[in-house]
């Protein structure tokens, strides 16, 4: 099973600004009380939950997170450079989580003309 999350341009810019403002060189992917990505320091936090895995918005967050990521809690850390690079380019990020691999893909959204061709 693969679980994905898209971080849009504004979210990427906000995340980069948070990391910069707090001089953080890494961010995390976690599954504990829900499943999410983010960064925290001294009570300040920037978090984005996977769909259906936010305890404040989904009564089934526990079961959803367990189904998507398994039963054990975990945390993985990543360097902030990809967030900053994508934000400076005005791009989106797609996080892909598989049982044995986590990947982060940066891309620029495309605009379609009236005929649907870019």
PDB file of N, CA and C in Angstrom:
ATOM      1  N   UNK A   1       0.843  -1.181   0.000  1.00  0.00           N
ATOM      2  CA  UNK A   1       0.000   0.000   0.000  1.00  0.00           C
ATOM      3  C   UNK A   1       0.888   1.245   0.000  1.00  0.00           C
ATOM      4  N   UNK A   2       0.482   2.228  -0.769  1.00  0.00           N
ATOM      5  CA  UNK A   2       1.195   3.501  -0.779  1.00  0.00           C
ATOM      6  C   UNK A   2       0.244   4.588  -0.271  1.00  0.00           C
ATOM      7  N   UNK A   3       0.743   5.418   0.631  1.00  0.00           N
ATOM      8  CA  UNK A   3      -0.009   6.549   1.156  1.00  0.00           C
ATOM      9  C   UNK A   3       0.674   7.809   0.645  1.00  0.00           C
ATOM     10  N   UNK A   4      -0.118   8.770   0.172  1.00  0.00           N
ATOM     11  CA  UNK A   4       0.471  10.004  -0.353  1.00  0.00           C
ATOM     12  C   UNK A   4      -0.112  11.234   0.343  1.00  0.00           C
ATOM     13  N   UNK A   5       0.660  12.297   0.278  1.00  0.00           N
ATOM     14  CA  UNK A   5       0.221  13.601   0.761  1.00  0.00           C
ATOM     15  C   UNK A   5       0.808  14.640  -0.174  1.00  0.00           C
ATOM     16  N   UNK A   6      -0.012  15.588  -0.587  1.00  0.00           N
ATOM     17  CA  UNK A   6       0.467  16.703  -1.399  1.00  0.00           C
ATOM     18  C   UNK A   6       0.515  17.952  -0.530  1.00  0.00           C
ATOM     19  N   UNK A   7       1.622  18.649  -0.594  1.00  0.00           N
ATOM     20  CA  UNK A   7       1.807  19.899   0.126  1.00  0.00           C
ATOM     21  C   UNK A   7       1.815  20.995  -0.937  1.00  0.00           C
ATOM     22  N   UNK A   8       0.780  21.821  -0.935  1.00  0.00           N
ATOM     23  CA  UNK A   8       0.652  22.807  -2.007  1.00  0.00           C
ATOM     24  C   UNK A   8       1.663  23.947  -1.856  1.00  0.00           C
ATOM     25  N   UNK A   9       1.649  24.872  -2.821  1.00  0.00           N
ATOM     26  CA  UNK A   9       2.616  25.987  -2.835  1.00  0.00           C
ATOM     27  C   UNK A   9       2.586  26.799  -1.551  1.00  0.00           C
ATOM     28  N   UNK A  10       1.395  27.183  -1.113  1.00  0.00           N
ATOM     29  CA  UNK A  10       1.282  28.013   0.090  1.00  0.00           C
ATOM     30  C   UNK A  10       1.759  27.252   1.326  1.00  0.00           C
ATOM     31  N   UNK A  11       1.374  25.994   1.442  1.00  0.00           N
ATOM     32  CA  UNK A  11       1.810  25.182   2.579  1.00  0.00           C
ATOM     33  C   UNK A  11       3.326  24.999   2.576  1.00  0.00           C
ATOM     34  N   UNK A  12       3.890  24.781   1.394  1.00  0.00           N
ATOM     35  CA  UNK A  12       5.339  24.623   1.278  1.00  0.00           C
ATOM     36  C   UNK A  12       6.049  25.904   1.698  1.00  0.00           C
ATOM     37  N   UNK A  13       5.526  27.042   1.244  1.00  0.00           N
ATOM     38  CA  UNK A  13       6.114  28.331   1.627  1.00  0.00           C
ATOM     39  C   UNK A  13       5.995  28.559   3.133  1.00  0.00           C
ATOM     40  N   UNK A  14       4.825  28.249   3.697  1.00  0.00           N
ATOM     41  CA  UNK A  14       4.614  28.415   5.141  1.00  0.00           C
ATOM     42  C   UNK A  14       5.527  27.479   5.944  1.00  0.00           C
ATOM     43  N   UNK A  15       5.663  26.249   5.484  1.00  0.00           N
ATOM     44  CA  UNK A  15       6.522  25.271   6.163  1.00  0.00           C
ATOM     45  C   UNK A  15       7.974  25.736   6.125  1.00  0.00           C
ATOM     46  N   UNK A  16       8.422  26.193   4.955  1.00  0.00           N
ATOM     47  CA  UNK A  16       9.790  26.693   4.820  1.00  0.00           C
ATOM     48  C   UNK A  16      10.021  27.889   5.745  1.00  0.00           C
ATOM     49  N   UNK A  17       9.062  28.794   5.794  1.00  0.00           N
ATOM     50  CA  UNK A  17       9.184  29.973   6.659  1.00  0.00           C
ATOM     51  C   UNK A  17       9.253  29.567   8.131  1.00  0.00           C
ATOM     52  N   UNK A  18       8.461  28.576   8.530  1.00  0.00           N
ATOM     53  CA  UNK A  18       8.489  28.095   9.910  1.00  0.00           C
ATOM     54  C   UNK A  18       9.860  27.506  10.236  1.00  0.00           C
ATOM     55  N   UNK A  19      10.367  26.659   9.345  1.00  0.00           N
ATOM     56  CA  UNK A  19      11.677  26.034   9.565  1.00  0.00           C
ATOM     57  C   UNK A  19      12.769  27.100   9.664  1.00  0.00           C
ATOM     58  N   UNK A  20      12.708  28.098   8.798  1.00  0.00           N
ATOM     59  CA  UNK A  20      13.699  29.174   8.801  1.00  0.00           C
ATOM     60  C   UNK A  20      13.594  30.018  10.064  1.00  0.00           C
ATOM     61  N   UNK A  21      12.385  30.401  10.420  1.00  0.00           N
ATOM     62  CA  UNK A  21      12.174  31.255  11.596  1.00  0.00           C
ATOM     63  C   UNK A  21      12.685  30.609  12.883  1.00  0.00           C
ATOM     64  N   UNK A  22      12.624  29.285  12.918  1.00  0.00           N
ATOM     65  CA  UNK A  22      13.036  28.566  14.128  1.00  0.00           C
ATOM     66  C   UNK A  22      14.395  27.881  13.969  1.00  0.00           C
ATOM     67  N   UNK A  23      15.075  28.207  12.870  1.00  0.00           N
ATOM     68  CA  UNK A  23      16.414  27.663  12.609  1.00  0.00           C
ATOM     69  C   UNK A  23      16.457  26.137  12.718  1.00  0.00           C
ATOM     70  N   UNK A  24      15.462  25.479  12.096  1.00  0.00           N
ATOM     71  CA  UNK A  24      15.371  24.022  12.140  1.00  0.00           C
ATOM     72  C   UNK A  24      15.944  23.426  10.859  1.00  0.00           C
ATOM     73  N   UNK A  25      16.798  22.456  11.013  1.00  0.00           N
ATOM     74  CA  UNK A  25      17.450  21.822   9.868  1.00  0.00           C
ATOM     75  C   UNK A  25      16.795  20.510   9.457  1.00  0.00           C
ATOM     76  N   UNK A  26      15.718  20.121  10.155  1.00  0.00           N
ATOM     77  CA  UNK A  26      15.031  18.896   9.795  1.00  0.00           C
ATOM     78  C   UNK A  26      13.549  18.988  10.150  1.00  0.00           C
ATOM     79  N   UNK A  27      12.778  18.102   9.538  1.00  0.00           N
ATOM     80  CA  UNK A  27      11.353  17.974   9.798  1.00  0.00           C
ATOM     81  C   UNK A  27      11.060  16.492   9.939  1.00  0.00           C
ATOM     82  N   UNK A  28       9.834  16.138  10.287  1.00  0.00           N
ATOM     83  CA  UNK A  28       9.535  14.734  10.550  1.00  0.00           C
ATOM     84  C   UNK A  28       8.232  14.268   9.926  1.00  0.00           C
ATOM     85  N   UNK A  29       8.150  12.960   9.793  1.00  0.00           N
ATOM     86  CA  UNK A  29       6.932  12.225   9.473  1.00  0.00           C
ATOM     87  C   UNK A  29       6.689  11.360  10.692  1.00  0.00           C
ATOM     88  N   UNK A  30       5.480  11.411  11.259  1.00  0.00           N
ATOM     89  CA  UNK A  30       5.210  10.665  12.483  1.00  0.00           C
ATOM     90  C   UNK A  30       3.846   9.995  12.439  1.00  0.00           C
ATOM     91  N   UNK A  31       3.767   8.881  13.141  1.00  0.00           N
ATOM     92  CA  UNK A  31       2.496   8.207  13.406  1.00  0.00           C
ATOM     93  C   UNK A  31       2.479   7.920  14.888  1.00  0.00           C
ATOM     94  N   UNK A  32       1.632   8.628  15.599  1.00  0.00           N
ATOM     95  CA  UNK A  32       1.417   8.355  17.023  1.00  0.00           C
ATOM     96  C   UNK A  32      -0.059   8.656  17.306  1.00  0.00           C
ATOM     97  N   UNK A  33      -0.388   9.854  17.687  1.00  0.00           N
ATOM     98  CA  UNK A  33      -1.780  10.260  17.880  1.00  0.00           C
ATOM     99  C   UNK A  33      -2.250  10.862  16.562  1.00  0.00           C
ATOM    100  N   UNK A  34      -2.432  10.025  15.563  1.00  0.00           N
ATOM    101  CA  UNK A  34      -2.703  10.434  14.194  1.00  0.00           C
ATOM    102  C   UNK A  34      -1.467  10.171  13.353  1.00  0.00           C
ATOM    103  N   UNK A  35      -1.474  10.671  12.118  1.00  0.00           N
ATOM    104  CA  UNK A  35      -0.323  10.532  11.222  1.00  0.00           C
ATOM    105  C   UNK A  35      -0.143  11.856  10.499  1.00  0.00           C
ATOM    106  N   UNK A  36       1.094  12.376  10.500  1.00  0.00           N
ATOM    107  CA  UNK A  36       1.316  13.734  10.033  1.00  0.00           C
ATOM    108  C   UNK A  36       2.783  13.989   9.728  1.00  0.00           C
ATOM    109  N   UNK A  37       3.022  15.129   9.085  1.00  0.00           N
ATOM    110  CA  UNK A  37       4.376  15.641   8.899  1.00  0.00           C
ATOM    111  C   UNK A  37       4.451  16.965   9.638  1.00  0.00           C
ATOM    112  N   UNK A  38       5.665  17.422   9.911  1.00  0.00           N
ATOM    113  CA  UNK A  38       5.780  18.727  10.532  1.00  0.00           C
ATOM    114  C   UNK A  38       7.097  18.967  11.221  1.00  0.00           C
ATOM    115  N   UNK A  39       7.065  19.999  12.047  1.00  0.00           N
ATOM    116  CA  UNK A  39       8.223  20.386  12.852  1.00  0.00           C
ATOM    117  C   UNK A  39       7.681  21.077  14.098  1.00  0.00           C
ATOM    118  N   UNK A  40       8.372  20.880  15.218  1.00  0.00           N
ATOM    119  CA  UNK A  40       7.973  21.520  16.472  1.00  0.00           C
ATOM    120  C   UNK A  40       9.210  22.005  17.207  1.00  0.00           C
ATOM    121  N   UNK A  41       9.024  23.076  17.966  1.00  0.00           N
ATOM    122  CA  UNK A  41      10.101  23.583  18.814  1.00  0.00           C
ATOM    123  C   UNK A  41       9.490  24.513  19.865  1.00  0.00           C
ATOM    124  N   UNK A  42       9.824  24.280  21.102  1.00  0.00           N
ATOM    125  CA  UNK A  42       9.413  25.149  22.210  1.00  0.00           C
ATOM    126  C   UNK A  42       7.933  25.533  22.168  1.00  0.00           C
ATOM    127  N   UNK A  43       7.070  24.571  21.897  1.00  0.00           N
ATOM    128  CA  UNK A  43       5.633  24.825  21.862  1.00  0.00           C
ATOM    129  C   UNK A  43       5.102  25.323  20.531  1.00  0.00           C
ATOM    130  N   UNK A  44       5.974  25.793  19.652  1.00  0.00           N
ATOM    131  CA  UNK A  44       5.548  26.218  18.306  1.00  0.00           C
ATOM    132  C   UNK A  44       5.537  24.993  17.405  1.00  0.00           C
ATOM    133  N   UNK A  45       4.559  24.931  16.492  1.00  0.00           N
ATOM    134  CA  UNK A  45       4.507  23.767  15.606  1.00  0.00           C
ATOM    135  C   UNK A  45       3.887  24.115  14.263  1.00  0.00           C
ATOM    136  N   UNK A  46       4.325  23.358  13.278  1.00  0.00           N
ATOM    137  CA  UNK A  46       3.711  23.368  11.952  1.00  0.00           C
ATOM    138  C   UNK A  46       3.433  21.908  11.649  1.00  0.00           C
ATOM    139  N   UNK A  47       2.151  21.552  11.477  1.00  0.00           N
ATOM    140  CA  UNK A  47       1.760  20.163  11.229  1.00  0.00           C
ATOM    141  C   UNK A  47       0.788  20.094  10.069  1.00  0.00           C
ATOM    142  N   UNK A  48       0.879  19.018   9.325  1.00  0.00           N
ATOM    143  CA  UNK A  48      -0.108  18.692   8.295  1.00  0.00           C
ATOM    144  C   UNK A  48      -0.399  17.205   8.423  1.00  0.00           C
ATOM    145  N   UNK A  49      -1.662  16.876   8.613  1.00  0.00           N
ATOM    146  CA  UNK A  49      -2.082  15.488   8.810  1.00  0.00           C
ATOM    147  C   UNK A  49      -2.413  14.813   7.487  1.00  0.00           C
ATOM    148  N   UNK A  50      -2.165  13.509   7.451  1.00  0.00           N
ATOM    149  CA  UNK A  50      -2.617  12.703   6.323  1.00  0.00           C
ATOM    150  C   UNK A  50      -4.142  12.650   6.372  1.00  0.00           C
ATOM    151  N   UNK A  51      -4.763  12.513   5.215  1.00  0.00           N
ATOM    152  CA  UNK A  51      -6.217  12.512   5.125  1.00  0.00           C
ATOM    153  C   UNK A  51      -6.808  11.444   6.050  1.00  0.00           C
ATOM    154  N   UNK A  52      -7.768  11.877   6.875  1.00  0.00           N
ATOM    155  CA  UNK A  52      -8.450  10.971   7.784  1.00  0.00           C
ATOM    156  C   UNK A  52      -7.693  10.647   9.055  1.00  0.00           C
ATOM    157  N   UNK A  53      -6.507  11.223   9.235  1.00  0.00           N
ATOM    158  CA  UNK A  53      -5.645  10.876  10.374  1.00  0.00           C
ATOM    159  C   UNK A  53      -5.485  12.009  11.381  1.00  0.00           C
ATOM    160  N   UNK A  54      -6.323  13.026  11.313  1.00  0.00           N
ATOM    161  CA  UNK A  54      -6.248  14.162  12.231  1.00  0.00           C
ATOM    162  C   UNK A  54      -7.240  13.943  13.375  1.00  0.00           C
ATOM    163  N   UNK A  55      -6.756  13.795  14.606  1.00  0.00           N
ATOM    164  CA  UNK A  55      -7.666  13.540  15.732  1.00  0.00           C
ATOM    165  C   UNK A  55      -8.654  14.669  15.995  1.00  0.00           C
ATOM    166  N   UNK A  56      -8.371  15.878  15.539  1.00  0.00           N
ATOM    167  CA  UNK A  56      -9.291  16.995  15.726  1.00  0.00           C
ATOM    168  C   UNK A  56     -10.394  17.036  14.681  1.00  0.00           C
ATOM    169  N   UNK A  57     -10.236  16.259  13.601  1.00  0.00           N
ATOM    170  CA  UNK A  57     -11.207  16.329  12.505  1.00  0.00           C
ATOM    171  C   UNK A  57     -11.852  14.997  12.146  1.00  0.00           C
ATOM    172  N   UNK A  58     -11.300  13.895  12.603  1.00  0.00           N
ATOM    173  CA  UNK A  58     -11.836  12.583  12.236  1.00  0.00           C
ATOM    174  C   UNK A  58     -11.997  11.704  13.469  1.00  0.00           C
ATOM    175  N   UNK A  59     -13.217  11.256  13.695  1.00  0.00           N
ATOM    176  CA  UNK A  59     -13.466  10.355  14.828  1.00  0.00           C
ATOM    177  C   UNK A  59     -12.741   9.025  14.627  1.00  0.00           C
ATOM    178  N   UNK A  60     -12.452   8.676  13.383  1.00  0.00           N
ATOM    179  CA  UNK A  60     -11.796   7.406  13.059  1.00  0.00           C
ATOM    180  C   UNK A  60     -10.294   7.553  12.835  1.00  0.00           C
ATOM    181  N   UNK A  61      -9.698   8.650  13.313  1.00  0.00           N
ATOM    182  CA  UNK A  61      -8.281   8.918  13.047  1.00  0.00           C
ATOM    183  C   UNK A  61      -7.385   7.755  13.453  1.00  0.00           C
ATOM    184  N   UNK A  62      -7.657   7.131  14.589  1.00  0.00           N
ATOM    185  CA  UNK A  62      -6.810   6.043  15.083  1.00  0.00           C
ATOM    186  C   UNK A  62      -6.838   4.864  14.116  1.00  0.00           C
ATOM    187  N   UNK A  63      -8.037   4.438  13.732  1.00  0.00           N
ATOM    188  CA  UNK A  63      -8.168   3.309  12.805  1.00  0.00           C
ATOM    189  C   UNK A  63      -7.609   3.648  11.427  1.00  0.00           C
ATOM    190  N   UNK A  64      -7.835   4.878  10.975  1.00  0.00           N
ATOM    191  CA  UNK A  64      -7.306   5.293   9.671  1.00  0.00           C
ATOM    192  C   UNK A  64      -5.778   5.266   9.669  1.00  0.00           C
ATOM    193  N   UNK A  65      -5.156   5.829  10.709  1.00  0.00           N
ATOM    194  CA  UNK A  65      -3.691   5.843  10.797  1.00  0.00           C
ATOM    195  C   UNK A  65      -3.151   4.425  10.898  1.00  0.00           C
ATOM    196  N   UNK A  66      -3.812   3.584  11.669  1.00  0.00           N
ATOM    197  CA  UNK A  66      -3.372   2.189  11.819  1.00  0.00           C
ATOM    198  C   UNK A  66      -3.482   1.442  10.490  1.00  0.00           C
ATOM    199  N   UNK A  67      -4.568   1.661   9.753  1.00  0.00           N
ATOM    200  CA  UNK A  67      -4.741   1.011   8.457  1.00  0.00           C
ATOM    201  C   UNK A  67      -3.671   1.465   7.464  1.00  0.00           C
ATOM    202  N   UNK A  68      -3.386   2.763   7.440  1.00  0.00           N
ATOM    203  CA  UNK A  68      -2.438   3.307   6.473  1.00  0.00           C
ATOM    204  C   UNK A  68      -0.982   3.022   6.823  1.00  0.00           C
ATOM    205  N   UNK A  69      -0.653   2.998   8.124  1.00  0.00           N
ATOM    206  CA  UNK A  69       0.754   2.931   8.535  1.00  0.00           C
ATOM    207  C   UNK A  69       1.102   1.771   9.459  1.00  0.00           C
ATOM    208  N   UNK A  70       0.143   0.947   9.812  1.00  0.00           N
ATOM    209  CA  UNK A  70       0.425  -0.165  10.713  1.00  0.00           C
ATOM    210  C   UNK A  70       0.203   0.223  12.159  1.00  0.00           C
ATOM    211  N   UNK A  71       0.430  -0.742  13.055  1.00  0.00           N
ATOM    212  CA  UNK A  71       0.105  -0.551  14.457  1.00  0.00           C
ATOM    213  C   UNK A  71       1.131   0.176  15.290  1.00  0.00           C
ATOM    214  N   UNK A  72       2.383   0.108  14.933  1.00  0.00           N
ATOM    215  CA  UNK A  72       3.418   0.725  15.757  1.00  0.00           C
ATOM    216  C   UNK A  72       3.562   2.208  15.464  1.00  0.00           C
ATOM    217  N   UNK A  73       3.849   2.977  16.523  1.00  0.00           N
ATOM    218  CA  UNK A  73       4.156   4.386  16.358  1.00  0.00           C
ATOM    219  C   UNK A  73       5.574   4.525  15.808  1.00  0.00           C
ATOM    220  N   UNK A  74       5.818   5.583  15.059  1.00  0.00           N
ATOM    221  CA  UNK A  74       7.161   5.813  14.516  1.00  0.00           C
ATOM    222  C   UNK A  74       7.373   7.286  14.226  1.00  0.00           C
ATOM    223  N   UNK A  75       8.601   7.645  14.004  1.00  0.00           N
ATOM    224  CA  UNK A  75       8.981   8.975  13.566  1.00  0.00           C
ATOM    225  C   UNK A  75      10.207   8.860  12.683  1.00  0.00           C
ATOM    226  N   UNK A  76      10.182   9.540  11.559  1.00  0.00           N
ATOM    227  CA  UNK A  76      11.323   9.591  10.638  1.00  0.00           C
ATOM    228  C   UNK A  76      11.668  11.054  10.404  1.00  0.00           C
ATOM    229  N   UNK A  77      12.962  11.366  10.375  1.00  0.00           N
ATOM    230  CA  UNK A  77      13.407  12.747  10.197  1.00  0.00           C
ATOM    231  C   UNK A  77      14.055  12.933   8.834  1.00  0.00           C
ATOM    232  N   UNK A  78      13.874  14.149   8.270  1.00  0.00           N
ATOM    233  CA  UNK A  78      14.378  14.480   6.943  1.00  0.00           C
ATOM    234  C   UNK A  78      15.001  15.877   6.972  1.00  0.00           C
ATOM    235  N   UNK A  79      16.001  16.118   6.133  1.00  0.00           N
ATOM    236  CA  UNK A  79      16.608  17.455   6.087  1.00  0.00           C
ATOM    237  C   UNK A  79      15.638  18.479   5.497  1.00  0.00           C
ATOM    238  N   UNK A  80      15.755  19.702   5.956  1.00  0.00           N
ATOM    239  CA  UNK A  80      14.857  20.778   5.534  1.00  0.00           C
ATOM    240  C   UNK A  80      15.151  21.312   4.128  1.00  0.00           C
ATOM    241  N   UNK A  81      16.299  20.970   3.572  1.00  0.00           N
ATOM    242  CA  UNK A  81      16.721  21.535   2.287  1.00  0.00           C
ATOM    243  C   UNK A  81      15.682  21.366   1.178  1.00  0.00           C
ATOM    244  N   UNK A  82      15.048  20.211   1.079  1.00  0.00           N
ATOM    245  CA  UNK A  82      14.063  19.983   0.014  1.00  0.00           C
ATOM    246  C   UNK A  82      12.857  20.901   0.165  1.00  0.00           C
ATOM    247  N   UNK A  83      12.470  21.176   1.396  1.00  0.00           N
ATOM    248  CA  UNK A  83      11.340  22.082   1.636  1.00  0.00           C
ATOM    249  C   UNK A  83      11.713  23.490   1.168  1.00  0.00           C
ATOM    250  N   UNK A  84      12.891  23.950   1.562  1.00  0.00           N
ATOM    251  CA  UNK A  84      13.333  25.303   1.180  1.00  0.00           C
ATOM    252  C   UNK A  84      13.499  25.432  -0.333  1.00  0.00           C
ATOM    253  N   UNK A  85      14.085  24.422  -0.961  1.00  0.00           N
ATOM    254  CA  UNK A  85      14.314  24.463  -2.406  1.00  0.00           C
ATOM    255  C   UNK A  85      12.989  24.519  -3.166  1.00  0.00           C
ATOM    256  N   UNK A  86      12.048  23.694  -2.753  1.00  0.00           N
ATOM    257  CA  UNK A  86      10.744  23.675  -3.416  1.00  0.00           C
ATOM    258  C   UNK A  86       9.991  24.974  -3.184  1.00  0.00           C
ATOM    259  N   UNK A  87      10.048  25.503  -1.971  1.00  0.00           N
ATOM    260  CA  UNK A  87       9.363  26.763  -1.667  1.00  0.00           C
ATOM    261  C   UNK A  87       9.943  27.907  -2.488  1.00  0.00           C
ATOM    262  N   UNK A  88      11.255  27.954  -2.622  1.00  0.00           N
ATOM    263  CA  UNK A  88      11.876  29.043  -3.380  1.00  0.00           C
ATOM    264  C   UNK A  88      11.544  28.957  -4.872  1.00  0.00           C
ATOM    265  N   UNK A  89      11.218  27.762  -5.354  1.00  0.00           N
ATOM    266  CA  UNK A  89      10.841  27.581  -6.758  1.00  0.00           C
ATOM    267  C   UNK A  89       9.333  27.702  -6.967  1.00  0.00           C
ATOM    268  N   UNK A  90       8.582  27.905  -5.883  1.00  0.00           N
ATOM    269  CA  UNK A  90       7.127  28.010  -5.999  1.00  0.00           C
ATOM    270  C   UNK A  90       6.463  26.695  -6.332  1.00  0.00           C
ATOM    271  N   UNK A  91       7.030  25.603  -5.842  1.00  0.00           N
ATOM    272  CA  UNK A  91       6.531  24.278  -6.197  1.00  0.00           C
ATOM    273  C   UNK A  91       5.669  23.609  -5.152  1.00  0.00           C
ATOM    274  N   UNK A  92       5.210  22.450  -5.522  1.00  0.00           N
ATOM    275  CA  UNK A  92       4.454  21.556  -4.654  1.00  0.00           C
ATOM    276  C   UNK A  92       5.384  20.414  -4.248  1.00  0.00           C
ATOM    277  N   UNK A  93       5.031  19.741  -3.170  1.00  0.00           N
ATOM    278  CA  UNK A  93       5.736  18.532  -2.751  1.00  0.00           C
ATOM    279  C   UNK A  93       4.740  17.396  -2.649  1.00  0.00           C
ATOM    280  N   UNK A  94       5.123  16.233  -3.102  1.00  0.00           N
ATOM    281  CA  UNK A  94       4.305  15.038  -2.925  1.00  0.00           C
ATOM    282  C   UNK A  94       5.127  14.054  -2.111  1.00  0.00           C
ATOM    283  N   UNK A  95       4.595  13.664  -0.980  1.00  0.00           N
ATOM    284  CA  UNK A  95       5.217  12.685  -0.102  1.00  0.00           C
ATOM    285  C   UNK A  95       4.561  11.344  -0.391  1.00  0.00           C
ATOM    286  N   UNK A  96       5.386  10.340  -0.685  1.00  0.00           N
ATOM    287  CA  UNK A  96       4.892   8.996  -0.953  1.00  0.00           C
ATOM    288  C   UNK A  96       5.478   8.056   0.092  1.00  0.00           C
ATOM    289  N   UNK A  97       4.608   7.369   0.817  1.00  0.00           N
ATOM    290  CA  UNK A  97       5.040   6.463   1.874  1.00  0.00           C
ATOM    291  C   UNK A  97       4.616   5.055   1.508  1.00  0.00           C
ATOM    292  N   UNK A  98       5.615   4.192   1.357  1.00  0.00           N
ATOM    293  CA  UNK A  98       5.405   2.770   1.092  1.00  0.00           C
ATOM    294  C   UNK A  98       5.950   1.993   2.284  1.00  0.00           C
ATOM    295  N   UNK A  99       5.641   0.711   2.393  1.00  0.00           N
ATOM    296  CA  UNK A  99       6.125  -0.060   3.551  1.00  0.00           C
ATOM    297  C   UNK A  99       7.641  -0.045   3.740  1.00  0.00           C
ATOM    298  N   UNK A 100       8.401   0.062   2.655  1.00  0.00           N
ATOM    299  CA  UNK A 100       9.864   0.019   2.783  1.00  0.00           C
ATOM    300  C   UNK A 100      10.564   1.255   2.229  1.00  0.00           C
ATOM    301  N   UNK A 101       9.808   2.257   1.802  1.00  0.00           N
ATOM    302  CA  UNK A 101      10.432   3.421   1.183  1.00  0.00           C
ATOM    303  C   UNK A 101       9.568   4.664   1.371  1.00  0.00           C
ATOM    304  N   UNK A 102      10.222   5.780   1.652  1.00  0.00           N
ATOM    305  CA  UNK A 102       9.564   7.079   1.729  1.00  0.00           C
ATOM    306  C   UNK A 102      10.244   7.970   0.698  1.00  0.00           C
ATOM    307  N   UNK A 103       9.454   8.604  -0.162  1.00  0.00           N
ATOM    308  CA  UNK A 103      10.047   9.500  -1.152  1.00  0.00           C
ATOM    309  C   UNK A 103       9.330  10.836  -1.149  1.00  0.00           C
ATOM    310  N   UNK A 104      10.066  11.852  -1.531  1.00  0.00           N
ATOM    311  CA  UNK A 104       9.559  13.214  -1.601  1.00  0.00           C
ATOM    312  C   UNK A 104       9.841  13.723  -3.005  1.00  0.00           C
ATOM    313  N   UNK A 105       8.798  14.105  -3.705  1.00  0.00           N
ATOM    314  CA  UNK A 105       8.917  14.573  -5.081  1.00  0.00           C
ATOM    315  C   UNK A 105       8.487  16.028  -5.143  1.00  0.00           C
ATOM    316  N   UNK A 106       9.338  16.856  -5.697  1.00  0.00           N
ATOM    317  CA  UNK A 106       9.044  18.273  -5.874  1.00  0.00           C
ATOM    318  C   UNK A 106       8.596  18.486  -7.313  1.00  0.00           C
ATOM    319  N   UNK A 107       7.536  19.266  -7.503  1.00  0.00           N
ATOM    320  CA  UNK A 107       7.089  19.551  -8.862  1.00  0.00           C
ATOM    321  C   UNK A 107       6.428  20.914  -8.918  1.00  0.00           C
ATOM    322  N   UNK A 108       6.398  21.447 -10.118  1.00  0.00           N
ATOM    323  CA  UNK A 108       5.781  22.743 -10.374  1.00  0.00           C
ATOM    324  C   UNK A 108       4.422  22.468 -11.007  1.00  0.00           C
ATOM    325  N   UNK A 109       3.348  23.060 -10.485  1.00  0.00           N
ATOM    326  CA  UNK A 109       2.030  22.826 -11.091  1.00  0.00           C
ATOM    327  C   UNK A 109       1.979  23.419 -12.494  1.00  0.00           C
ATOM    328  N   UNK A 110       1.189  22.807 -13.349  1.00  0.00           N
ATOM    329  CA  UNK A 110       1.048  23.303 -14.716  1.00  0.00           C
ATOM    330  C   UNK A 110      -0.308  23.970 -14.877  1.00  0.00           C
ATOM    331  N   UNK A 111      -0.373  24.887 -15.806  1.00  0.00           N
ATOM    332  CA  UNK A 111      -1.646  25.545 -16.129  1.00  0.00           C
ATOM    333  C   UNK A 111      -2.086  25.040 -17.494  1.00  0.00           C
ATOM    334  N   UNK A 112      -3.370  24.751 -17.598  1.00  0.00           N
ATOM    335  CA  UNK A 112      -3.906  24.244 -18.847  1.00  0.00           C
ATOM    336  C   UNK A 112      -4.643  25.346 -19.590  1.00  0.00           C
ATOM    337  N   UNK A 113      -4.507  25.318 -20.912  1.00  0.00           N
ATOM    338  CA  UNK A 113      -5.255  26.296 -21.693  1.00  0.00           C
ATOM    339  C   UNK A 113      -6.698  25.808 -21.852  1.00  0.00           C
ATOM    340  N   UNK A 114      -7.503  26.524 -22.580  1.00  0.00           N
ATOM    341  CA  UNK A 114      -8.929  26.211 -22.701  1.00  0.00           C
ATOM    342  C   UNK A 114      -9.191  24.830 -23.289  1.00  0.00           C
ATOM    343  N   UNK A 115      -8.280  24.328 -24.119  1.00  0.00           N
ATOM    344  CA  UNK A 115      -8.467  23.012 -24.728  1.00  0.00           C
ATOM    345  C   UNK A 115      -7.973  21.892 -23.819  1.00  0.00           C
ATOM    346  N   UNK A 116      -7.391  22.217 -22.674  1.00  0.00           N
ATOM    347  CA  UNK A 116      -6.910  21.193 -21.758  1.00  0.00           C
ATOM    348  C   UNK A 116      -5.520  20.689 -22.095  1.00  0.00           C
ATOM    349  N   UNK A 117      -4.804  21.431 -22.942  1.00  0.00           N
ATOM    350  CA  UNK A 117      -3.453  21.022 -23.325  1.00  0.00           C
ATOM    351  C   UNK A 117      -2.480  22.030 -22.742  1.00  0.00           C
ATOM    352  N   UNK A 118      -1.409  21.535 -22.118  1.00  0.00           N
ATOM    353  CA  UNK A 118      -0.455  22.467 -21.527  1.00  0.00           C
ATOM    354  C   UNK A 118       0.624  22.832 -22.511  1.00  0.00           C
TER     355      UNK A 118
END
